[in-house]
Amino acid sequence: MAEVKSNKHNSIIAQWQEKIKIANRNNIFFHCRNCNHEWVDSSFDAICNNCGNNNVERICCWQFPDG
């Protein structure tokens, strides 16, 4: 019985992880710690297109509340 609950739990976690992965596409907010430039991108490896620095803060936009 515990194995059935564990499998269901793992399935639910996998579904949430996939939804978060989808939400992250094209929705990553960046802030350059060097020049304070801010932008939204789709790659976690983005560098600042204003000054070329890679010292950037990354926040997934789905974490921001609507409204």
N, C-alpha and C. Protein backbone atom coordinates (compact mmCIF):
# COMPACT_ATOMS: atom_id res chain seq x y z
N MET A 1 0.81 -1.19 0.00
CA MET A 1 0.00 0.00 0.00
C MET A 1 0.87 1.27 0.00
N ALA A 2 1.93 1.24 0.79
CA ALA A 2 2.83 2.40 0.85
C ALA A 2 3.49 2.63 -0.50
N GLU A 3 3.78 1.55 -1.21
CA GLU A 3 4.41 1.69 -2.53
C GLU A 3 3.48 2.39 -3.52
N VAL A 4 2.20 2.11 -3.46
CA VAL A 4 1.22 2.74 -4.35
C VAL A 4 1.17 4.24 -4.06
N LYS A 5 1.14 4.62 -2.77
CA LYS A 5 1.14 6.04 -2.40
C LYS A 5 2.42 6.71 -2.86
N SER A 6 3.55 6.03 -2.71
CA SER A 6 4.83 6.59 -3.11
C SER A 6 4.87 6.82 -4.62
N ASN A 7 4.38 5.86 -5.39
CA ASN A 7 4.35 6.01 -6.85
C ASN A 7 3.46 7.18 -7.26
N LYS A 8 2.30 7.31 -6.60
CA LYS A 8 1.40 8.42 -6.91
C LYS A 8 2.06 9.74 -6.55
N HIS A 9 2.71 9.80 -5.40
CA HIS A 9 3.41 11.00 -4.96
C HIS A 9 4.50 11.38 -5.96
N ASN A 10 5.29 10.40 -6.40
CA ASN A 10 6.36 10.66 -7.37
C ASN A 10 5.80 11.14 -8.70
N SER A 11 4.66 10.60 -9.08
CA SER A 11 4.01 11.01 -10.32
C SER A 11 3.55 12.47 -10.24
N ILE A 12 2.99 12.84 -9.10
CA ILE A 12 2.53 14.22 -8.91
C ILE A 12 3.72 15.17 -8.92
N ILE A 13 4.80 14.80 -8.26
CA ILE A 13 6.00 15.64 -8.26
C ILE A 13 6.54 15.81 -9.67
N ALA A 14 6.57 14.73 -10.44
CA ALA A 14 7.06 14.80 -11.82
C ALA A 14 6.19 15.73 -12.67
N GLN A 15 4.87 15.68 -12.45
CA GLN A 15 3.97 16.55 -13.19
C GLN A 15 4.24 18.02 -12.85
N TRP A 16 4.43 18.33 -11.57
CA TRP A 16 4.73 19.70 -11.16
C TRP A 16 6.06 20.16 -11.73
N GLN A 17 7.06 19.29 -11.71
CA GLN A 17 8.37 19.66 -12.25
C GLN A 17 8.27 19.99 -13.73
N GLU A 18 7.48 19.23 -14.47
CA GLU A 18 7.30 19.49 -15.90
C GLU A 18 6.59 20.83 -16.11
N LYS A 19 5.58 21.11 -15.30
CA LYS A 19 4.86 22.38 -15.43
C LYS A 19 5.78 23.56 -15.12
N ILE A 20 6.64 23.43 -14.13
CA ILE A 20 7.59 24.49 -13.80
C ILE A 20 8.59 24.67 -14.93
N LYS A 21 9.04 23.57 -15.51
CA LYS A 21 9.98 23.63 -16.64
C LYS A 21 9.35 24.38 -17.81
N ILE A 22 8.08 24.10 -18.09
CA ILE A 22 7.37 24.79 -19.17
C ILE A 22 7.22 26.27 -18.85
N ALA A 23 6.88 26.59 -17.59
CA ALA A 23 6.71 27.98 -17.19
C ALA A 23 8.01 28.77 -17.30
N ASN A 24 9.13 28.11 -17.12
CA ASN A 24 10.43 28.79 -17.19
C ASN A 24 10.81 29.19 -18.61
N ARG A 25 10.27 28.50 -19.61
CA ARG A 25 10.64 28.84 -20.99
C ARG A 25 10.24 30.28 -21.29
N ASN A 26 11.19 31.06 -21.75
CA ASN A 26 10.99 32.46 -22.13
C ASN A 26 10.54 33.33 -20.96
N ASN A 27 10.75 32.88 -19.73
CA ASN A 27 10.23 33.62 -18.59
C ASN A 27 11.23 33.69 -17.44
N ILE A 28 12.46 34.05 -17.73
CA ILE A 28 13.46 34.19 -16.68
C ILE A 28 13.86 35.65 -16.60
N PHE A 29 13.63 36.24 -15.43
CA PHE A 29 13.98 37.64 -15.20
C PHE A 29 15.44 37.72 -14.78
N PHE A 30 16.18 38.63 -15.42
CA PHE A 30 17.60 38.81 -15.12
C PHE A 30 17.86 40.22 -14.60
N HIS A 31 18.79 40.32 -13.66
CA HIS A 31 19.27 41.61 -13.17
C HIS A 31 20.79 41.54 -13.13
N CYS A 32 21.44 42.44 -13.85
CA CYS A 32 22.89 42.49 -13.87
C CYS A 32 23.38 43.19 -12.60
N ARG A 33 24.23 42.51 -11.87
CA ARG A 33 24.77 43.09 -10.64
C ARG A 33 25.83 44.15 -10.92
N ASN A 34 26.34 44.18 -12.15
CA ASN A 34 27.38 45.13 -12.53
C ASN A 34 26.79 46.48 -12.95
N CYS A 35 25.81 46.47 -13.84
CA CYS A 35 25.29 47.73 -14.39
C CYS A 35 23.80 47.96 -14.09
N ASN A 36 23.17 47.03 -13.35
CA ASN A 36 21.76 47.11 -12.96
C ASN A 36 20.78 46.98 -14.12
N HIS A 37 21.25 46.54 -15.28
CA HIS A 37 20.35 46.30 -16.41
C HIS A 37 19.42 45.13 -16.08
N GLU A 38 18.16 45.22 -16.50
CA GLU A 38 17.19 44.15 -16.25
C GLU A 38 16.54 43.74 -17.56
N TRP A 39 16.27 42.43 -17.71
CA TRP A 39 15.64 41.91 -18.91
C TRP A 39 15.04 40.54 -18.63
N VAL A 40 14.23 40.06 -19.58
CA VAL A 40 13.65 38.72 -19.51
C VAL A 40 14.23 37.92 -20.65
N ASP A 41 14.63 36.68 -20.35
CA ASP A 41 15.26 35.82 -21.35
C ASP A 41 14.75 34.41 -21.18
N SER A 42 15.18 33.53 -22.06
CA SER A 42 14.74 32.13 -21.99
C SER A 42 15.88 31.18 -21.65
N SER A 43 17.07 31.69 -21.44
CA SER A 43 18.23 30.86 -21.15
C SER A 43 18.80 31.20 -19.79
N PHE A 44 19.03 30.18 -18.96
CA PHE A 44 19.65 30.41 -17.66
C PHE A 44 21.10 30.87 -17.80
N ASP A 45 21.70 30.68 -18.96
CA ASP A 45 23.11 31.01 -19.17
C ASP A 45 23.30 32.38 -19.80
N ALA A 46 22.28 33.22 -19.80
CA ALA A 46 22.38 34.52 -20.45
C ALA A 46 23.37 35.42 -19.72
N ILE A 47 24.03 36.26 -20.51
CA ILE A 47 24.91 37.29 -19.94
C ILE A 47 24.27 38.64 -20.26
N CYS A 48 24.70 39.65 -19.55
CA CYS A 48 24.13 40.98 -19.74
C CYS A 48 24.45 41.50 -21.14
N ASN A 49 23.40 41.85 -21.88
CA ASN A 49 23.63 42.37 -23.23
C ASN A 49 23.95 43.86 -23.19
N ASN A 50 23.96 44.46 -22.01
CA ASN A 50 24.31 45.87 -21.87
C ASN A 50 25.81 46.05 -21.62
N CYS A 51 26.38 45.22 -20.71
CA CYS A 51 27.80 45.39 -20.37
C CYS A 51 28.62 44.11 -20.58
N GLY A 52 27.97 42.98 -20.90
CA GLY A 52 28.68 41.74 -21.16
C GLY A 52 29.05 40.94 -19.92
N ASN A 53 28.64 41.39 -18.75
CA ASN A 53 28.97 40.73 -17.51
C ASN A 53 28.11 39.48 -17.32
N ASN A 54 28.69 38.46 -16.68
CA ASN A 54 27.89 37.26 -16.40
C ASN A 54 27.52 37.16 -14.92
N ASN A 55 27.77 38.21 -14.16
CA ASN A 55 27.38 38.25 -12.75
C ASN A 55 25.94 38.77 -12.68
N VAL A 56 25.00 37.88 -12.96
CA VAL A 56 23.59 38.26 -13.03
C VAL A 56 22.76 37.44 -12.05
N GLU A 57 21.70 38.06 -11.58
CA GLU A 57 20.72 37.39 -10.74
C GLU A 57 19.62 36.85 -11.65
N ARG A 58 19.18 35.62 -11.41
CA ARG A 58 18.15 34.99 -12.22
C ARG A 58 16.95 34.65 -11.33
N ILE A 59 15.78 35.06 -11.78
CA ILE A 59 14.55 34.74 -11.04
C ILE A 59 13.52 34.27 -12.06
N CYS A 60 12.98 33.09 -11.84
CA CYS A 60 11.94 32.57 -12.72
C CYS A 60 10.68 33.42 -12.56
N CYS A 61 10.15 33.91 -13.67
CA CYS A 61 9.03 34.84 -13.63
C CYS A 61 7.77 34.25 -13.04
N TRP A 62 7.60 32.93 -13.09
CA TRP A 62 6.38 32.34 -12.53
C TRP A 62 6.33 32.55 -11.02
N GLN A 63 7.43 32.96 -10.41
CA GLN A 63 7.46 33.21 -8.98
C GLN A 63 6.83 34.54 -8.60
N PHE A 64 6.61 35.42 -9.60
CA PHE A 64 6.01 36.71 -9.33
C PHE A 64 4.49 36.57 -9.32
N PRO A 65 3.82 37.15 -8.35
CA PRO A 65 2.35 37.06 -8.33
C PRO A 65 1.75 37.91 -9.44
N ASP A 66 0.60 37.49 -9.95
CA ASP A 66 -0.12 38.27 -10.96
C ASP A 66 -0.77 39.47 -10.29
N GLY A 67 -0.84 40.56 -11.05
CA GLY A 67 -1.54 41.74 -10.55
C GLY A 67 -0.69 42.54 -9.71
